[in-house]
Amino acid sequence: MSATASTDTVRRRRPGIDKNMIIAAAAELFAKKGYRATSLDEVAEKLGVKKSSFYHYINSKEDVLMAIFDQFYALSEKHLRPISEDTSIPPNERLRRMVHGYVNVMTDDVNIIGSLIRAESELSRPNQMIVLRRNREMERMFEHVVIEGQKQGIIRQVTPRLVALAIIGMIEFMVQWYGLAGWPLPAEKVGAEFALLLEAGWLADGSDRTGAWPRATSVQEALKDPLQRIRQLRSDLDMLSNDLEHMGTRLEDGLATDRSST
């Protein structure tokens, strides 16, 4: 992401500043200290300027955070959209390439992207809705390919959005562990193994299974839920029978009163 540019370069370009320089400096501080703990005064100090110099370009710290989100989504679009829409490539191969592409997005600068994801809850409600909408647009890129693959009989007949969320969630969780000291695998290898694991789930195998549920270890365990439902139904029926008997008694009493009054 362009927001990750080193502020050493920023300092060499003084005395003037621009919005990209502010975003770059803020992104580094958000990654180191967290969004909430970082102030615009610290961003100004990092750039060697007064905070008042910012307000030609931004209105608030949240504006900076949203600008970083914009860069993240632009990078995601660049990596994913052309693959998603390339109908000359089979859907299963497109999904594989999109997995690798999104892994590349996540590892572009894992610290900054991690801080970005963690800061989402700090946004105001209107900006949270913008981010949710952008997330949904990204989900649809994956869903589109899944649906196309299902029509061609290549992809399992499972809920397309769940496939999209599984892919995105698996890859985005990388920010929690990728790049830790001693981590042995490069991003390309992580992408390859993720794609292998995911393909085992999304590729059609000729069966009509639409899910996998826990298997019982005994007859008693297998029958536990249905027997419980039967007991509940019996209880409900008993209550209904009692209610009907009560209503019948009230009805008979009412009719008897009507007859006596005549």
C-alpha atoms as a PDB file:
ATOM      1  CA  MET A   1       0.000   0.000   0.000  1.00  0.00           C
ATOM      2  CA  SER A   2       1.241   3.493  -0.734  1.00  0.00           C
ATOM      3  CA  ALA A   3       0.405   4.390   2.870  1.00  0.00           C
ATOM      4  CA  THR A   4       3.349   2.298   3.993  1.00  0.00           C
ATOM      5  CA  ALA A   5       5.989   4.520   2.398  1.00  0.00           C
ATOM      6  CA  SER A   6       8.853   5.234   4.784  1.00  0.00           C
ATOM      7  CA  THR A   7       8.713   8.601   6.500  1.00  0.00           C
ATOM      8  CA  ASP A   8      12.476   8.941   5.918  1.00  0.00           C
ATOM      9  CA  THR A   9      11.459   9.729   2.339  1.00  0.00           C
ATOM     10  CA  VAL A  10       8.790  12.046   3.711  1.00  0.00           C
ATOM     11  CA  ARG A  11      11.348  14.059   5.654  1.00  0.00           C
ATOM     12  CA  ARG A  12      13.593  14.462   2.602  1.00  0.00           C
ATOM     13  CA  ARG A  13      10.632  16.007   0.740  1.00  0.00           C
ATOM     14  CA  ARG A  14       9.949  18.786   3.277  1.00  0.00           C
ATOM     15  CA  PRO A  15       9.128  21.630   3.681  1.00  0.00           C
ATOM     16  CA  GLY A  16       5.813  20.945   1.857  1.00  0.00           C
ATOM     17  CA  ILE A  17       3.459  18.138   2.789  1.00  0.00           C
ATOM     18  CA  ASP A  18       0.542  16.540   0.985  1.00  0.00           C
ATOM     19  CA  LYS A  19      -2.273  14.167   1.861  1.00  0.00           C
ATOM     20  CA  ASN A  20      -0.345  11.048   0.877  1.00  0.00           C
ATOM     21  CA  MET A  21       2.506  11.996   3.216  1.00  0.00           C
ATOM     22  CA  ILE A  22       0.056  12.483   6.092  1.00  0.00           C
ATOM     23  CA  ILE A  23      -1.555   9.096   5.372  1.00  0.00           C
ATOM     24  CA  ALA A  24       1.821   7.370   5.183  1.00  0.00           C
ATOM     25  CA  ALA A  25       3.008   8.770   8.518  1.00  0.00           C
ATOM     26  CA  ALA A  26      -0.307   8.072  10.246  1.00  0.00           C
ATOM     27  CA  ALA A  27      -0.431   4.509   8.911  1.00  0.00           C
ATOM     28  CA  GLU A  28       2.985   3.747  10.393  1.00  0.00           C
ATOM     29  CA  LEU A  29       1.940   5.122  13.780  1.00  0.00           C
ATOM     30  CA  PHE A  30      -1.400   3.274  13.716  1.00  0.00           C
ATOM     31  CA  ALA A  31       0.532   0.058  13.091  1.00  0.00           C
ATOM     32  CA  LYS A  32       2.961   0.701  15.950  1.00  0.00           C
ATOM     33  CA  LYS A  33       0.690   2.200  18.600  1.00  0.00           C
ATOM     34  CA  GLY A  34      -2.849   1.459  17.477  1.00  0.00           C
ATOM     35  CA  TYR A  35      -5.412   3.880  16.076  1.00  0.00           C
ATOM     36  CA  ARG A  36      -6.914   4.982  19.390  1.00  0.00           C
ATOM     37  CA  ALA A  37      -3.530   5.645  21.024  1.00  0.00           C
ATOM     38  CA  THR A  38      -2.226   7.743  18.122  1.00  0.00           C
ATOM     39  CA  SER A  39      -2.897  11.471  17.973  1.00  0.00           C
ATOM     40  CA  LEU A  40      -2.609  13.868  15.052  1.00  0.00           C
ATOM     41  CA  ASP A  41      -0.022  15.771  17.104  1.00  0.00           C
ATOM     42  CA  GLU A  42       2.193  12.680  16.905  1.00  0.00           C
ATOM     43  CA  VAL A  43       1.648  12.433  13.157  1.00  0.00           C
ATOM     44  CA  ALA A  44       2.627  16.093  12.812  1.00  0.00           C
ATOM     45  CA  GLU A  45       5.723  15.522  14.945  1.00  0.00           C
ATOM     46  CA  LYS A  46       6.707  12.561  12.777  1.00  0.00           C
ATOM     47  CA  LEU A  47       6.450  14.761   9.699  1.00  0.00           C
ATOM     48  CA  GLY A  48       8.199  17.673  11.384  1.00  0.00           C
ATOM     49  CA  VAL A  49       5.330  20.103  10.788  1.00  0.00           C
ATOM     50  CA  LYS A  50       2.558  21.779  12.758  1.00  0.00           C
ATOM     51  CA  LYS A  51      -0.767  19.985  13.043  1.00  0.00           C
ATOM     52  CA  SER A  52      -2.499  23.044  11.600  1.00  0.00           C
ATOM     53  CA  SER A  53      -0.776  22.236   8.293  1.00  0.00           C
ATOM     54  CA  PHE A  54      -2.995  19.128   7.997  1.00  0.00           C
ATOM     55  CA  TYR A  55      -6.350  20.793   7.789  1.00  0.00           C
ATOM     56  CA  HIS A  56      -5.975  21.791   4.181  1.00  0.00           C
ATOM     57  CA  TYR A  57      -6.039  18.059   3.402  1.00  0.00           C
ATOM     58  CA  ILE A  58      -7.999  16.370   6.212  1.00  0.00           C
ATOM     59  CA  ASN A  59     -10.641  17.188   8.812  1.00  0.00           C
ATOM     60  CA  SER A  60      -9.884  14.583  11.464  1.00  0.00           C
ATOM     61  CA  LYS A  61      -7.958  11.459  12.404  1.00  0.00           C
ATOM     62  CA  GLU A  62     -10.914   9.413  11.198  1.00  0.00           C
ATOM     63  CA  ASP A  63     -10.527  10.987   7.750  1.00  0.00           C
ATOM     64  CA  VAL A  64      -6.992   9.617   7.671  1.00  0.00           C
ATOM     65  CA  LEU A  65      -8.181   6.160   8.678  1.00  0.00           C
ATOM     66  CA  MET A  66     -10.836   6.184   5.948  1.00  0.00           C
ATOM     67  CA  ALA A  67      -8.196   7.241   3.425  1.00  0.00           C
ATOM     68  CA  ILE A  68      -6.135   4.196   4.424  1.00  0.00           C
ATOM     69  CA  PHE A  69      -9.226   2.016   4.009  1.00  0.00           C
ATOM     70  CA  ASP A  70      -9.665   3.517   0.527  1.00  0.00           C
ATOM     71  CA  GLN A  71      -6.112   2.512  -0.362  1.00  0.00           C
ATOM     72  CA  PHE A  72      -6.703  -0.995   0.979  1.00  0.00           C
ATOM     73  CA  TYR A  73      -9.841  -1.461  -1.120  1.00  0.00           C
ATOM     74  CA  ALA A  74      -8.153  -0.009  -4.197  1.00  0.00           C
ATOM     75  CA  LEU A  75      -5.319  -2.522  -3.769  1.00  0.00           C
ATOM     76  CA  SER A  76      -7.824  -5.366  -3.311  1.00  0.00           C
ATOM     77  CA  GLU A  77      -9.717  -4.330  -6.434  1.00  0.00           C
ATOM     78  CA  LYS A  78      -6.492  -4.206  -8.406  1.00  0.00           C
ATOM     79  CA  HIS A  79      -5.583  -7.760  -7.385  1.00  0.00           C
ATOM     80  CA  LEU A  80      -9.032  -9.367  -7.510  1.00  0.00           C
ATOM     81  CA  ARG A  81     -11.421  -7.657  -9.935  1.00  0.00           C
ATOM     82  CA  PRO A  82      -9.610  -8.503 -13.198  1.00  0.00           C
ATOM     83  CA  ILE A  83      -9.389 -12.177 -12.187  1.00  0.00           C
ATOM     84  CA  SER A  84     -13.011 -12.348 -11.025  1.00  0.00           C
ATOM     85  CA  GLU A  85     -14.293 -10.986 -14.346  1.00  0.00           C
ATOM     86  CA  ASP A  86     -11.993 -12.937 -16.704  1.00  0.00           C
ATOM     87  CA  THR A  87     -14.412 -15.476 -18.187  1.00  0.00           C
ATOM     88  CA  SER A  88     -11.653 -16.974 -20.341  1.00  0.00           C
ATOM     89  CA  ILE A  89     -10.373 -18.672 -17.159  1.00  0.00           C
ATOM     90  CA  PRO A  90     -12.392 -21.534 -15.570  1.00  0.00           C
ATOM     91  CA  PRO A  91     -14.080 -20.549 -12.284  1.00  0.00           C
ATOM     92  CA  ASN A  92     -12.041 -22.957 -10.145  1.00  0.00           C
ATOM     93  CA  GLU A  93      -8.785 -21.496 -11.506  1.00  0.00           C
ATOM     94  CA  ARG A  94     -10.086 -17.975 -10.955  1.00  0.00           C
ATOM     95  CA  LEU A  95     -10.804 -18.781  -7.308  1.00  0.00           C
ATOM     96  CA  ARG A  96      -7.302 -20.195  -6.916  1.00  0.00           C
ATOM     97  CA  ARG A  97      -5.765 -17.045  -8.383  1.00  0.00           C
ATOM     98  CA  MET A  98      -7.982 -14.837  -6.226  1.00  0.00           C
ATOM     99  CA  VAL A  99      -6.795 -16.670  -3.103  1.00  0.00           C
ATOM    100  CA  HIS A 100      -3.192 -15.957  -4.087  1.00  0.00           C
ATOM    101  CA  GLY A 101      -4.070 -12.365  -4.980  1.00  0.00           C
ATOM    102  CA  TYR A 102      -5.739 -11.670  -1.642  1.00  0.00           C
ATOM    103  CA  VAL A 103      -2.860 -13.259   0.262  1.00  0.00           C
ATOM    104  CA  ASN A 104      -0.612 -10.785  -1.580  1.00  0.00           C
ATOM    105  CA  VAL A 105      -2.867  -7.925  -0.457  1.00  0.00           C
ATOM    106  CA  MET A 106      -2.748  -9.082   3.170  1.00  0.00           C
ATOM    107  CA  THR A 107       1.030  -9.405   3.163  1.00  0.00           C
ATOM    108  CA  ASP A 108       1.713  -6.120   1.333  1.00  0.00           C
ATOM    109  CA  ASP A 109       2.228  -4.613   4.788  1.00  0.00           C
ATOM    110  CA  VAL A 110       0.721  -6.983   7.320  1.00  0.00           C
ATOM    111  CA  ASN A 111       1.220  -4.655  10.305  1.00  0.00           C
ATOM    112  CA  ILE A 112      -0.595  -1.715   8.763  1.00  0.00           C
ATOM    113  CA  ILE A 113      -3.386  -3.846   7.307  1.00  0.00           C
ATOM    114  CA  GLY A 114      -3.763  -5.570  10.673  1.00  0.00           C
ATOM    115  CA  SER A 115      -4.085  -2.238  12.464  1.00  0.00           C
ATOM    116  CA  LEU A 116      -6.592  -1.137   9.829  1.00  0.00           C
ATOM    117  CA  ILE A 117      -8.833  -4.159  10.396  1.00  0.00           C
ATOM    118  CA  ARG A 118      -8.621  -3.807  14.170  1.00  0.00           C
ATOM    119  CA  ALA A 119      -9.529  -0.108  13.966  1.00  0.00           C
ATOM    120  CA  GLU A 120     -12.759  -0.712  12.052  1.00  0.00           C
ATOM    121  CA  SER A 121     -14.819  -0.701  15.254  1.00  0.00           C
ATOM    122  CA  GLU A 122     -13.469   2.777  16.094  1.00  0.00           C
ATOM    123  CA  LEU A 123     -15.178   4.346  13.090  1.00  0.00           C
ATOM    124  CA  SER A 124     -18.344   6.401  13.340  1.00  0.00           C
ATOM    125  CA  ARG A 125     -21.534   4.625  12.330  1.00  0.00           C
ATOM    126  CA  PRO A 126     -21.741   6.256   8.853  1.00  0.00           C
ATOM    127  CA  ASN A 127     -18.142   5.282   8.069  1.00  0.00           C
ATOM    128  CA  GLN A 128     -18.687   1.770   9.419  1.00  0.00           C
ATOM    129  CA  MET A 129     -21.538   1.434   6.932  1.00  0.00           C
ATOM    130  CA  ILE A 130     -19.233   2.564   4.117  1.00  0.00           C
ATOM    131  CA  VAL A 131     -16.676  -0.062   5.124  1.00  0.00           C
ATOM    132  CA  LEU A 132     -19.368  -2.744   5.380  1.00  0.00           C
ATOM    133  CA  ARG A 133     -20.558  -1.845   1.888  1.00  0.00           C
ATOM    134  CA  ARG A 134     -17.022  -2.056   0.494  1.00  0.00           C
ATOM    135  CA  ASN A 135     -16.559  -5.412   2.230  1.00  0.00           C
ATOM    136  CA  ARG A 136     -19.772  -6.647   0.644  1.00  0.00           C
ATOM    137  CA  GLU A 137     -18.527  -5.583  -2.789  1.00  0.00           C
ATOM    138  CA  MET A 138     -15.419  -7.688  -2.246  1.00  0.00           C
ATOM    139  CA  GLU A 139     -17.514 -10.669  -1.145  1.00  0.00           C
ATOM    140  CA  ARG A 140     -19.519 -10.392  -4.364  1.00  0.00           C
ATOM    141  CA  MET A 141     -16.369 -10.741  -6.469  1.00  0.00           C
ATOM    142  CA  PHE A 142     -15.852 -14.192  -4.956  1.00  0.00           C
ATOM    143  CA  GLU A 143     -19.565 -15.062  -4.984  1.00  0.00           C
ATOM    144  CA  HIS A 144     -19.790 -14.252  -8.690  1.00  0.00           C
ATOM    145  CA  VAL A 145     -17.115 -16.818  -9.497  1.00  0.00           C
ATOM    146  CA  VAL A 146     -18.606 -19.433  -7.161  1.00  0.00           C
ATOM    147  CA  ILE A 147     -22.059 -19.094  -8.755  1.00  0.00           C
ATOM    148  CA  GLU A 148     -20.594 -19.371 -12.232  1.00  0.00           C
ATOM    149  CA  GLY A 149     -18.676 -22.477 -11.191  1.00  0.00           C
ATOM    150  CA  GLN A 150     -21.831 -24.017  -9.722  1.00  0.00           C
ATOM    151  CA  LYS A 151     -23.686 -23.469 -12.999  1.00  0.00           C
ATOM    152  CA  GLN A 152     -20.883 -25.281 -14.796  1.00  0.00           C
ATOM    153  CA  GLY A 153     -20.877 -28.148 -12.286  1.00  0.00           C
ATOM    154  CA  ILE A 154     -17.317 -27.350 -11.142  1.00  0.00           C
ATOM    155  CA  ILE A 155     -18.109 -25.923  -7.699  1.00  0.00           C
ATOM    156  CA  ARG A 156     -20.159 -27.637  -4.986  1.00  0.00           C
ATOM    157  CA  GLN A 157     -23.770 -26.575  -4.513  1.00  0.00           C
ATOM    158  CA  VAL A 158     -23.157 -24.789  -1.222  1.00  0.00           C
ATOM    159  CA  THR A 159     -24.109 -21.249  -0.228  1.00  0.00           C
ATOM    160  CA  PRO A 160     -21.948 -18.940  -2.400  1.00  0.00           C
ATOM    161  CA  ARG A 161     -21.658 -16.217   0.229  1.00  0.00           C
ATOM    162  CA  LEU A 162     -20.395 -18.722   2.802  1.00  0.00           C
ATOM    163  CA  VAL A 163     -17.653 -19.754   0.382  1.00  0.00           C
ATOM    164  CA  ALA A 164     -16.710 -16.097  -0.093  1.00  0.00           C
ATOM    165  CA  LEU A 165     -16.703 -15.420   3.649  1.00  0.00           C
ATOM    166  CA  ALA A 166     -14.649 -18.550   4.340  1.00  0.00           C
ATOM    167  CA  ILE A 167     -11.992 -17.502   1.827  1.00  0.00           C
ATOM    168  CA  ILE A 168     -11.864 -13.874   2.979  1.00  0.00           C
ATOM    169  CA  GLY A 169     -11.939 -14.744   6.681  1.00  0.00           C
ATOM    170  CA  MET A 170      -9.223 -17.380   6.382  1.00  0.00           C
ATOM    171  CA  ILE A 171      -6.908 -14.977   4.564  1.00  0.00           C
ATOM    172  CA  GLU A 172      -7.631 -11.882   6.646  1.00  0.00           C
ATOM    173  CA  PHE A 173      -6.815 -13.773   9.837  1.00  0.00           C
ATOM    174  CA  MET A 174      -3.218 -13.841   8.550  1.00  0.00           C
ATOM    175  CA  VAL A 175      -2.727 -10.420  10.131  1.00  0.00           C
ATOM    176  CA  GLN A 176      -2.817 -12.150  13.539  1.00  0.00           C
ATOM    177  CA  TRP A 177       0.166 -14.398  12.876  1.00  0.00           C
ATOM    178  CA  TYR A 178       1.932 -13.720   9.564  1.00  0.00           C
ATOM    179  CA  GLY A 179       5.373 -12.207   9.964  1.00  0.00           C
ATOM    180  CA  LEU A 180       5.838 -13.234  13.587  1.00  0.00           C
ATOM    181  CA  ALA A 181       9.400 -14.030  14.578  1.00  0.00           C
ATOM    182  CA  GLY A 182      10.394 -17.438  13.271  1.00  0.00           C
ATOM    183  CA  TRP A 183       7.499 -17.733  10.827  1.00  0.00           C
ATOM    184  CA  PRO A 184       8.913 -20.119   8.206  1.00  0.00           C
ATOM    185  CA  LEU A 185       6.721 -19.777   5.094  1.00  0.00           C
ATOM    186  CA  PRO A 186       6.755 -17.028   2.447  1.00  0.00           C
ATOM    187  CA  ALA A 187       3.464 -15.529   1.278  1.00  0.00           C
ATOM    188  CA  GLU A 188       3.498 -17.537  -1.959  1.00  0.00           C
ATOM    189  CA  LYS A 189       3.661 -20.820  -0.028  1.00  0.00           C
ATOM    190  CA  VAL A 190       0.905 -19.713   2.353  1.00  0.00           C
ATOM    191  CA  GLY A 191      -1.293 -18.866  -0.637  1.00  0.00           C
ATOM    192  CA  ALA A 192      -0.607 -22.246  -2.225  1.00  0.00           C
ATOM    193  CA  GLU A 193      -1.505 -24.199   0.912  1.00  0.00           C
ATOM    194  CA  PHE A 194      -4.594 -22.075   1.582  1.00  0.00           C
ATOM    195  CA  ALA A 195      -5.763 -22.690  -1.987  1.00  0.00           C
ATOM    196  CA  LEU A 196      -5.203 -26.439  -1.586  1.00  0.00           C
ATOM    197  CA  LEU A 197      -7.226 -26.564   1.636  1.00  0.00           C
ATOM    198  CA  LEU A 198     -10.027 -24.457   0.180  1.00  0.00           C
ATOM    199  CA  GLU A 199     -10.173 -26.355  -3.112  1.00  0.00           C
ATOM    200  CA  ALA A 200     -10.750 -29.566  -1.180  1.00  0.00           C
ATOM    201  CA  GLY A 201     -13.956 -27.932   0.019  1.00  0.00           C
ATOM    202  CA  TRP A 202     -15.274 -26.039  -2.981  1.00  0.00           C
ATOM    203  CA  LEU A 203     -14.576 -28.477  -5.857  1.00  0.00           C
ATOM    204  CA  ALA A 204     -17.532 -30.648  -6.856  1.00  0.00           C
ATOM    205  CA  ASP A 205     -16.857 -34.385  -6.411  1.00  0.00           C
ATOM    206  CA  GLY A 206     -20.005 -35.837  -7.940  1.00  0.00           C
ATOM    207  CA  SER A 207     -21.829 -36.248  -4.630  1.00  0.00           C
ATOM    208  CA  ASP A 208     -24.955 -34.345  -3.639  1.00  0.00           C
ATOM    209  CA  ARG A 209     -23.729 -33.502  -0.132  1.00  0.00           C
ATOM    210  CA  THR A 210     -24.480 -29.947   0.913  1.00  0.00           C
ATOM    211  CA  GLY A 211     -22.835 -30.044   4.320  1.00  0.00           C
ATOM    212  CA  ALA A 212     -20.940 -32.152   6.837  1.00  0.00           C
ATOM    213  CA  TRP A 213     -22.308 -32.628  10.332  1.00  0.00           C
ATOM    214  CA  PRO A 214     -20.708 -34.134  13.446  1.00  0.00           C
ATOM    215  CA  ARG A 215     -21.029 -37.903  13.538  1.00  0.00           C
ATOM    216  CA  ALA A 216     -22.405 -39.708  16.583  1.00  0.00           C
ATOM    217  CA  THR A 217     -20.140 -42.103  18.464  1.00  0.00           C
ATOM    218  CA  SER A 218     -23.027 -44.272  19.724  1.00  0.00           C
ATOM    219  CA  VAL A 219     -26.689 -45.091  19.063  1.00  0.00           C
ATOM    220  CA  GLN A 220     -27.672 -43.220  22.227  1.00  0.00           C
ATOM    221  CA  GLU A 221     -25.866 -40.090  21.068  1.00  0.00           C
ATOM    222  CA  ALA A 222     -27.367 -40.367  17.583  1.00  0.00           C
ATOM    223  CA  LEU A 223     -30.901 -40.616  19.008  1.00  0.00           C
ATOM    224  CA  LYS A 224     -30.474 -37.997  21.718  1.00  0.00           C
ATOM    225  CA  ASP A 225     -31.759 -34.984  19.731  1.00  0.00           C
ATOM    226  CA  PRO A 226     -34.707 -36.716  18.002  1.00  0.00           C
ATOM    227  CA  LEU A 227     -35.824 -38.302  21.312  1.00  0.00           C
ATOM    228  CA  GLN A 228     -35.607 -34.908  23.002  1.00  0.00           C
ATOM    229  CA  ARG A 229     -37.742 -33.389  20.239  1.00  0.00           C
ATOM    230  CA  ILE A 230     -40.301 -36.212  20.664  1.00  0.00           C
ATOM    231  CA  ARG A 231     -40.476 -35.542  24.410  1.00  0.00           C
ATOM    232  CA  GLN A 232     -40.960 -31.860  23.711  1.00  0.00           C
ATOM    233  CA  LEU A 233     -43.716 -32.596  21.192  1.00  0.00           C
ATOM    234  CA  ARG A 234     -45.470 -34.841  23.695  1.00  0.00           C
ATOM    235  CA  SER A 235     -45.275 -32.121  26.320  1.00  0.00           C
ATOM    236  CA  ASP A 236     -46.642 -29.571  23.848  1.00  0.00           C
ATOM    237  CA  LEU A 237     -49.468 -31.934  22.889  1.00  0.00           C
ATOM    238  CA  ASP A 238     -50.353 -32.515  26.548  1.00  0.00           C
ATOM    239  CA  MET A 239     -50.512 -28.768  27.123  1.00  0.00           C
ATOM    240  CA  LEU A 240     -52.645 -28.306  24.017  1.00  0.00           C
ATOM    241  CA  SER A 241     -54.974 -31.122  25.113  1.00  0.00           C
ATOM    242  CA  ASN A 242     -55.376 -29.512  28.541  1.00  0.00           C
ATOM    243  CA  ASP A 243     -56.086 -26.145  26.932  1.00  0.00           C
ATOM    244  CA  LEU A 244     -58.710 -27.700  24.664  1.00  0.00           C
ATOM    245  CA  GLU A 245     -60.339 -29.487  27.619  1.00  0.00           C
ATOM    246  CA  HIS A 246     -60.410 -26.249  29.565  1.00  0.00           C
ATOM    247  CA  MET A 247     -61.894 -24.353  26.637  1.00  0.00           C
ATOM    248  CA  GLY A 248     -64.482 -27.128  26.175  1.00  0.00           C
ATOM    249  CA  THR A 249     -65.513 -26.832  29.806  1.00  0.00           C
ATOM    250  CA  ARG A 250     -65.860 -23.071  29.484  1.00  0.00           C
ATOM    251  CA  LEU A 251     -67.859 -23.469  26.291  1.00  0.00           C
ATOM    252  CA  GLU A 252     -70.228 -26.008  27.895  1.00  0.00           C
ATOM    253  CA  ASP A 253     -70.638 -23.761  30.924  1.00  0.00           C
ATOM    254  CA  GLY A 254     -71.449 -20.843  28.656  1.00  0.00           C
ATOM    255  CA  LEU A 255     -74.017 -22.820  26.690  1.00  0.00           C
ATOM    256  CA  ALA A 256     -75.642 -24.087  29.900  1.00  0.00           C
ATOM    257  CA  THR A 257     -75.908 -20.499  31.168  1.00  0.00           C
ATOM    258  CA  ASP A 258     -77.486 -19.409  27.893  1.00  0.00           C
ATOM    259  CA  ARG A 259     -80.113 -22.187  28.068  1.00  0.00           C
ATOM    260  CA  SER A 260     -81.010 -21.436  31.675  1.00  0.00           C
ATOM    261  CA  SER A 261     -81.478 -17.773  30.902  1.00  0.00           C
ATOM    262  CA  THR A 262     -84.020 -18.601  28.244  1.00  0.00           C
END
